[in-house]
N, C-alpha and C. Protein backbone atom coordinates (compact mmCIF):
# COMPACT_ATOMS: atom_id res chain seq x y z
N MET A 1 -44.29 55.94 -40.09
CA MET A 1 -42.92 56.33 -39.77
C MET A 1 -41.98 55.41 -40.56
N ASN A 2 -41.03 56.00 -41.28
CA ASN A 2 -40.10 55.16 -42.03
C ASN A 2 -39.07 54.53 -41.10
N ALA A 3 -38.35 53.54 -41.62
CA ALA A 3 -37.43 52.75 -40.79
C ALA A 3 -36.33 53.61 -40.17
N ARG A 4 -35.81 54.56 -40.92
CA ARG A 4 -34.73 55.40 -40.39
C ARG A 4 -35.24 56.25 -39.22
N ASN A 5 -36.41 56.87 -39.40
CA ASN A 5 -36.98 57.69 -38.33
C ASN A 5 -37.31 56.85 -37.11
N LYS A 6 -37.79 55.63 -37.33
CA LYS A 6 -38.10 54.74 -36.22
C LYS A 6 -36.82 54.37 -35.48
N GLY A 7 -35.73 54.15 -36.22
CA GLY A 7 -34.45 53.84 -35.60
C GLY A 7 -33.93 54.99 -34.75
N VAL A 8 -34.02 56.21 -35.28
CA VAL A 8 -33.58 57.39 -34.54
C VAL A 8 -34.44 57.55 -33.29
N ALA A 9 -35.75 57.37 -33.42
CA ALA A 9 -36.64 57.48 -32.27
C ALA A 9 -36.29 56.42 -31.22
N GLY A 10 -35.97 55.21 -31.67
CA GLY A 10 -35.57 54.15 -30.76
C GLY A 10 -34.29 54.48 -30.02
N GLU A 11 -33.33 55.06 -30.72
CA GLU A 11 -32.07 55.47 -30.07
C GLU A 11 -32.33 56.52 -29.01
N ARG A 12 -33.20 57.46 -29.30
CA ARG A 12 -33.55 58.49 -28.31
C ARG A 12 -34.26 57.88 -27.11
N GLU A 13 -35.19 56.97 -27.38
CA GLU A 13 -35.91 56.31 -26.29
C GLU A 13 -34.94 55.55 -25.38
N PHE A 14 -34.01 54.81 -25.98
CA PHE A 14 -33.07 54.04 -25.18
C PHE A 14 -32.12 54.95 -24.42
N ARG A 15 -31.67 56.02 -25.07
CA ARG A 15 -30.84 57.02 -24.37
C ARG A 15 -31.58 57.52 -23.14
N ASP A 16 -32.87 57.81 -23.30
CA ASP A 16 -33.67 58.31 -22.18
C ASP A 16 -33.81 57.25 -21.08
N GLN A 17 -33.88 55.98 -21.45
CA GLN A 17 -33.92 54.90 -20.47
C GLN A 17 -32.64 54.88 -19.64
N LEU A 18 -31.50 55.01 -20.31
CA LEU A 18 -30.22 55.05 -19.59
C LEU A 18 -30.17 56.25 -18.66
N ARG A 19 -30.60 57.40 -19.13
CA ARG A 19 -30.58 58.60 -18.29
C ARG A 19 -31.50 58.44 -17.08
N ALA A 20 -32.68 57.86 -17.29
CA ALA A 20 -33.61 57.64 -16.19
C ALA A 20 -33.04 56.68 -15.15
N ALA A 21 -32.15 55.79 -15.59
CA ALA A 21 -31.51 54.84 -14.68
C ALA A 21 -30.28 55.45 -14.00
N GLY A 22 -29.93 56.70 -14.33
CA GLY A 22 -28.85 57.39 -13.64
C GLY A 22 -27.60 57.62 -14.45
N TRP A 23 -27.53 57.12 -15.67
CA TRP A 23 -26.35 57.33 -16.52
C TRP A 23 -26.60 58.57 -17.39
N MET A 24 -26.34 59.72 -16.81
CA MET A 24 -26.74 60.99 -17.40
C MET A 24 -25.94 61.39 -18.63
N SER A 25 -24.80 60.78 -18.87
CA SER A 25 -24.00 61.16 -20.03
C SER A 25 -24.47 60.48 -21.32
N ALA A 26 -25.48 59.64 -21.22
CA ALA A 26 -25.96 58.90 -22.40
C ALA A 26 -26.42 59.87 -23.49
N ARG A 27 -26.01 59.57 -24.72
CA ARG A 27 -26.40 60.38 -25.88
C ARG A 27 -26.39 59.48 -27.10
N ARG A 28 -27.05 59.91 -28.15
CA ARG A 28 -26.99 59.19 -29.42
C ARG A 28 -25.57 59.26 -29.96
N GLY A 29 -25.11 58.19 -30.59
CA GLY A 29 -23.74 58.13 -31.05
C GLY A 29 -23.53 58.55 -32.47
N GLN A 30 -24.40 58.22 -33.38
CA GLN A 30 -24.18 58.43 -34.81
C GLN A 30 -23.97 59.89 -35.16
N GLN A 31 -24.74 60.79 -34.56
CA GLN A 31 -24.63 62.18 -34.97
C GLN A 31 -23.31 62.80 -34.56
N PHE A 32 -22.60 62.20 -33.60
CA PHE A 32 -21.31 62.73 -33.18
C PHE A 32 -20.16 62.06 -33.92
N ALA A 33 -20.18 60.71 -33.99
CA ALA A 33 -19.07 59.99 -34.60
C ALA A 33 -19.27 59.82 -36.10
N GLY A 34 -20.48 59.53 -36.50
CA GLY A 34 -20.80 59.49 -37.92
C GLY A 34 -20.42 58.24 -38.67
N GLY A 35 -19.55 57.41 -38.14
CA GLY A 35 -19.13 56.21 -38.86
C GLY A 35 -20.14 55.09 -38.73
N SER A 36 -20.09 54.14 -39.67
CA SER A 36 -21.03 53.02 -39.63
C SER A 36 -20.78 52.11 -38.46
N ASP A 37 -19.56 52.14 -37.89
CA ASP A 37 -19.25 51.27 -36.76
C ASP A 37 -19.39 51.99 -35.41
N SER A 38 -19.84 53.24 -35.42
CA SER A 38 -20.02 53.94 -34.16
C SER A 38 -21.28 53.41 -33.47
N PRO A 39 -21.27 53.38 -32.14
CA PRO A 39 -22.43 52.84 -31.42
C PRO A 39 -23.66 53.73 -31.61
N ASP A 40 -24.84 53.12 -31.47
CA ASP A 40 -26.07 53.89 -31.59
C ASP A 40 -26.24 54.84 -30.41
N VAL A 41 -25.78 54.39 -29.24
CA VAL A 41 -25.84 55.20 -28.04
C VAL A 41 -24.48 55.14 -27.35
N VAL A 42 -24.02 56.28 -26.85
CA VAL A 42 -22.73 56.39 -26.17
C VAL A 42 -23.01 56.84 -24.74
N CYS A 43 -22.24 56.27 -23.80
CA CYS A 43 -22.40 56.66 -22.40
C CYS A 43 -21.05 56.54 -21.72
N GLU A 44 -20.49 57.66 -21.27
CA GLU A 44 -19.16 57.64 -20.65
C GLU A 44 -19.09 56.74 -19.43
N GLU A 45 -20.16 56.70 -18.63
CA GLU A 45 -20.16 55.86 -17.43
C GLU A 45 -20.15 54.37 -17.76
N LEU A 46 -20.54 54.04 -18.97
CA LEU A 46 -20.57 52.65 -19.43
C LEU A 46 -19.68 52.53 -20.67
N ALA A 47 -18.48 53.08 -20.57
CA ALA A 47 -17.60 53.21 -21.73
C ALA A 47 -17.17 51.87 -22.33
N GLY A 48 -17.24 50.79 -21.56
CA GLY A 48 -16.83 49.49 -22.06
C GLY A 48 -17.89 48.77 -22.86
N ILE A 49 -19.05 49.42 -23.05
CA ILE A 49 -20.17 48.78 -23.77
C ILE A 49 -20.39 49.45 -25.12
N HIS A 50 -20.55 48.62 -26.13
CA HIS A 50 -20.97 49.09 -27.46
C HIS A 50 -22.46 48.78 -27.56
N TRP A 51 -23.28 49.84 -27.60
CA TRP A 51 -24.73 49.69 -27.66
C TRP A 51 -25.21 49.66 -29.10
N GLU A 52 -25.91 48.62 -29.46
CA GLU A 52 -26.62 48.52 -30.74
C GLU A 52 -28.10 48.56 -30.39
N VAL A 53 -28.83 49.54 -30.92
CA VAL A 53 -30.23 49.73 -30.57
C VAL A 53 -31.11 49.39 -31.76
N LYS A 54 -32.11 48.54 -31.52
CA LYS A 54 -33.04 48.12 -32.56
C LYS A 54 -34.46 48.37 -32.09
N ARG A 55 -35.23 49.06 -32.90
CA ARG A 55 -36.63 49.36 -32.58
C ARG A 55 -37.47 48.85 -33.74
N VAL A 56 -37.69 47.53 -33.75
CA VAL A 56 -38.38 46.88 -34.87
C VAL A 56 -39.37 45.85 -34.34
N GLU A 57 -40.34 45.51 -35.16
CA GLU A 57 -41.33 44.49 -34.80
C GLU A 57 -40.76 43.09 -34.93
N SER A 58 -39.99 42.87 -35.97
CA SER A 58 -39.44 41.54 -36.23
C SER A 58 -37.92 41.67 -36.30
N LEU A 59 -37.25 41.17 -35.29
CA LEU A 59 -35.80 41.31 -35.19
C LEU A 59 -35.12 39.96 -35.32
N ASN A 60 -34.15 39.87 -36.20
CA ASN A 60 -33.28 38.70 -36.24
C ASN A 60 -32.15 39.00 -35.26
N ILE A 61 -32.30 38.50 -34.04
CA ILE A 61 -31.37 38.84 -32.97
C ILE A 61 -29.97 38.33 -33.27
N HIS A 62 -29.86 37.22 -34.00
CA HIS A 62 -28.53 36.71 -34.34
C HIS A 62 -27.79 37.66 -35.28
N ASN A 63 -28.50 38.22 -36.25
CA ASN A 63 -27.89 39.22 -37.13
C ASN A 63 -27.55 40.50 -36.36
N ALA A 64 -28.42 40.89 -35.44
CA ALA A 64 -28.20 42.11 -34.67
C ALA A 64 -26.98 41.98 -33.76
N ILE A 65 -26.84 40.85 -33.08
CA ILE A 65 -25.68 40.68 -32.20
C ILE A 65 -24.41 40.52 -33.03
N ALA A 66 -24.52 39.88 -34.19
CA ALA A 66 -23.35 39.77 -35.07
C ALA A 66 -22.87 41.15 -35.52
N GLN A 67 -23.80 42.04 -35.85
CA GLN A 67 -23.45 43.41 -36.22
C GLN A 67 -22.79 44.12 -35.04
N ALA A 68 -23.35 43.95 -33.85
CA ALA A 68 -22.79 44.60 -32.67
C ALA A 68 -21.38 44.10 -32.38
N ILE A 69 -21.17 42.80 -32.52
CA ILE A 69 -19.84 42.22 -32.29
C ILE A 69 -18.84 42.77 -33.29
N LEU A 70 -19.25 42.83 -34.54
CA LEU A 70 -18.38 43.34 -35.60
C LEU A 70 -17.98 44.80 -35.36
N ASP A 71 -18.93 45.59 -34.89
CA ASP A 71 -18.69 47.02 -34.69
C ASP A 71 -18.05 47.36 -33.35
N ALA A 72 -18.10 46.44 -32.38
CA ALA A 72 -17.72 46.75 -31.00
C ALA A 72 -16.22 46.90 -30.78
N GLY A 73 -15.39 46.29 -31.62
CA GLY A 73 -13.96 46.32 -31.35
C GLY A 73 -13.67 45.63 -30.04
N SER A 74 -12.99 46.32 -29.11
CA SER A 74 -12.65 45.70 -27.83
C SER A 74 -13.74 45.89 -26.77
N LYS A 75 -14.81 46.58 -27.12
CA LYS A 75 -15.90 46.81 -26.17
C LYS A 75 -16.85 45.61 -26.13
N THR A 76 -17.68 45.56 -25.11
CA THR A 76 -18.67 44.51 -24.96
C THR A 76 -19.92 44.88 -25.75
N PRO A 77 -20.31 44.04 -26.72
CA PRO A 77 -21.50 44.35 -27.52
C PRO A 77 -22.79 43.95 -26.79
N ILE A 78 -23.73 44.88 -26.77
CA ILE A 78 -25.06 44.60 -26.23
C ILE A 78 -26.08 45.17 -27.20
N VAL A 79 -27.10 44.38 -27.51
CA VAL A 79 -28.20 44.83 -28.35
C VAL A 79 -29.38 45.15 -27.45
N ALA A 80 -29.81 46.41 -27.45
CA ALA A 80 -31.02 46.84 -26.75
C ALA A 80 -32.13 46.90 -27.79
N HIS A 81 -33.26 46.27 -27.50
CA HIS A 81 -34.31 46.20 -28.52
C HIS A 81 -35.69 46.16 -27.90
N ARG A 82 -36.66 46.63 -28.68
CA ARG A 82 -38.06 46.53 -28.26
C ARG A 82 -38.98 46.60 -29.46
N ARG A 83 -40.14 46.02 -29.30
CA ARG A 83 -41.23 46.11 -30.28
C ARG A 83 -42.16 47.24 -29.88
N ASN A 84 -43.09 47.57 -30.78
CA ASN A 84 -44.13 48.54 -30.44
C ASN A 84 -44.87 48.07 -29.19
N ARG A 85 -45.09 48.98 -28.29
CA ARG A 85 -45.81 48.71 -27.05
C ARG A 85 -45.15 47.61 -26.21
N GLY A 86 -43.91 47.28 -26.49
CA GLY A 86 -43.19 46.26 -25.74
C GLY A 86 -42.17 46.89 -24.81
N GLU A 87 -41.63 46.07 -23.92
CA GLU A 87 -40.61 46.56 -23.00
C GLU A 87 -39.23 46.44 -23.65
N TRP A 88 -38.30 47.22 -23.15
CA TRP A 88 -36.92 47.15 -23.63
C TRP A 88 -36.28 45.87 -23.12
N LEU A 89 -35.57 45.21 -24.00
CA LEU A 89 -34.81 44.00 -23.68
C LEU A 89 -33.36 44.23 -24.08
N ALA A 90 -32.46 43.48 -23.49
CA ALA A 90 -31.05 43.56 -23.85
C ALA A 90 -30.54 42.15 -24.12
N THR A 91 -29.82 42.00 -25.22
CA THR A 91 -29.20 40.72 -25.56
C THR A 91 -27.70 40.87 -25.47
N ILE A 92 -27.08 39.94 -24.75
CA ILE A 92 -25.64 39.97 -24.51
C ILE A 92 -25.13 38.53 -24.63
N ARG A 93 -23.92 38.37 -25.15
CA ARG A 93 -23.33 37.03 -25.21
C ARG A 93 -23.19 36.49 -23.78
N LEU A 94 -23.35 35.19 -23.64
CA LEU A 94 -23.28 34.56 -22.32
C LEU A 94 -21.92 34.80 -21.66
N GLU A 95 -20.84 34.69 -22.42
CA GLU A 95 -19.49 34.90 -21.86
C GLU A 95 -19.36 36.33 -21.31
N ASP A 96 -19.96 37.31 -22.00
CA ASP A 96 -19.91 38.70 -21.53
C ASP A 96 -20.78 38.89 -20.29
N LEU A 97 -21.92 38.22 -20.25
CA LEU A 97 -22.78 38.28 -19.07
C LEU A 97 -22.04 37.72 -17.85
N PHE A 98 -21.39 36.57 -18.02
CA PHE A 98 -20.64 35.98 -16.91
C PHE A 98 -19.54 36.92 -16.43
N LYS A 99 -18.84 37.54 -17.37
CA LYS A 99 -17.78 38.49 -17.01
C LYS A 99 -18.36 39.68 -16.25
N LEU A 100 -19.49 40.18 -16.70
CA LEU A 100 -20.16 41.30 -16.03
C LEU A 100 -20.57 40.90 -14.62
N LEU A 101 -21.14 39.71 -14.46
CA LEU A 101 -21.56 39.26 -13.14
C LEU A 101 -20.37 39.02 -12.22
N ARG A 102 -19.29 38.51 -12.78
CA ARG A 102 -18.10 38.19 -11.98
C ARG A 102 -17.30 39.44 -11.62
N ASP A 103 -17.07 40.31 -12.60
CA ASP A 103 -16.14 41.42 -12.43
C ASP A 103 -16.79 42.79 -12.33
N GLY A 104 -18.08 42.87 -12.56
CA GLY A 104 -18.75 44.16 -12.55
C GLY A 104 -18.43 44.96 -13.81
N LEU A 105 -18.84 46.21 -13.84
CA LEU A 105 -18.62 47.06 -15.01
C LEU A 105 -17.15 47.24 -15.35
N ASP A 106 -16.28 47.25 -14.34
CA ASP A 106 -14.85 47.42 -14.61
C ASP A 106 -14.30 46.29 -15.46
N GLY A 107 -14.87 45.10 -15.33
CA GLY A 107 -14.41 43.95 -16.12
C GLY A 107 -14.75 44.05 -17.58
N LEU A 108 -15.68 44.90 -17.95
CA LEU A 108 -16.07 45.03 -19.35
C LEU A 108 -15.07 45.82 -20.18
N ASP A 109 -14.20 46.55 -19.54
CA ASP A 109 -13.23 47.36 -20.27
C ASP A 109 -12.10 46.53 -20.87
N SER A 110 -11.92 45.32 -20.40
CA SER A 110 -10.80 44.51 -20.90
C SER A 110 -11.25 43.48 -21.92
């Protein structure tokens, strides 16, 4: 599987994870928005989050979060990632995690 196809498959897998958790509006972002800064996955119920999805064996998480921050604008950047046969993980800046814990999802919109 080439890298692009693996990325698309990863976006679909993560979208399905969000849907299974109850966020039914989750969908892939690129095919709708098309821009390089559009999120990999879009979810209206989690509108304050910019999702960057990575499905790779070797991930430079610092580069991935930097890309997410650059593309996120005013949204909270989160990198969802997994390796082959691995579980999904999410990387978020500590300041954003604290805000999420303190204010809940509503706090992520500001």
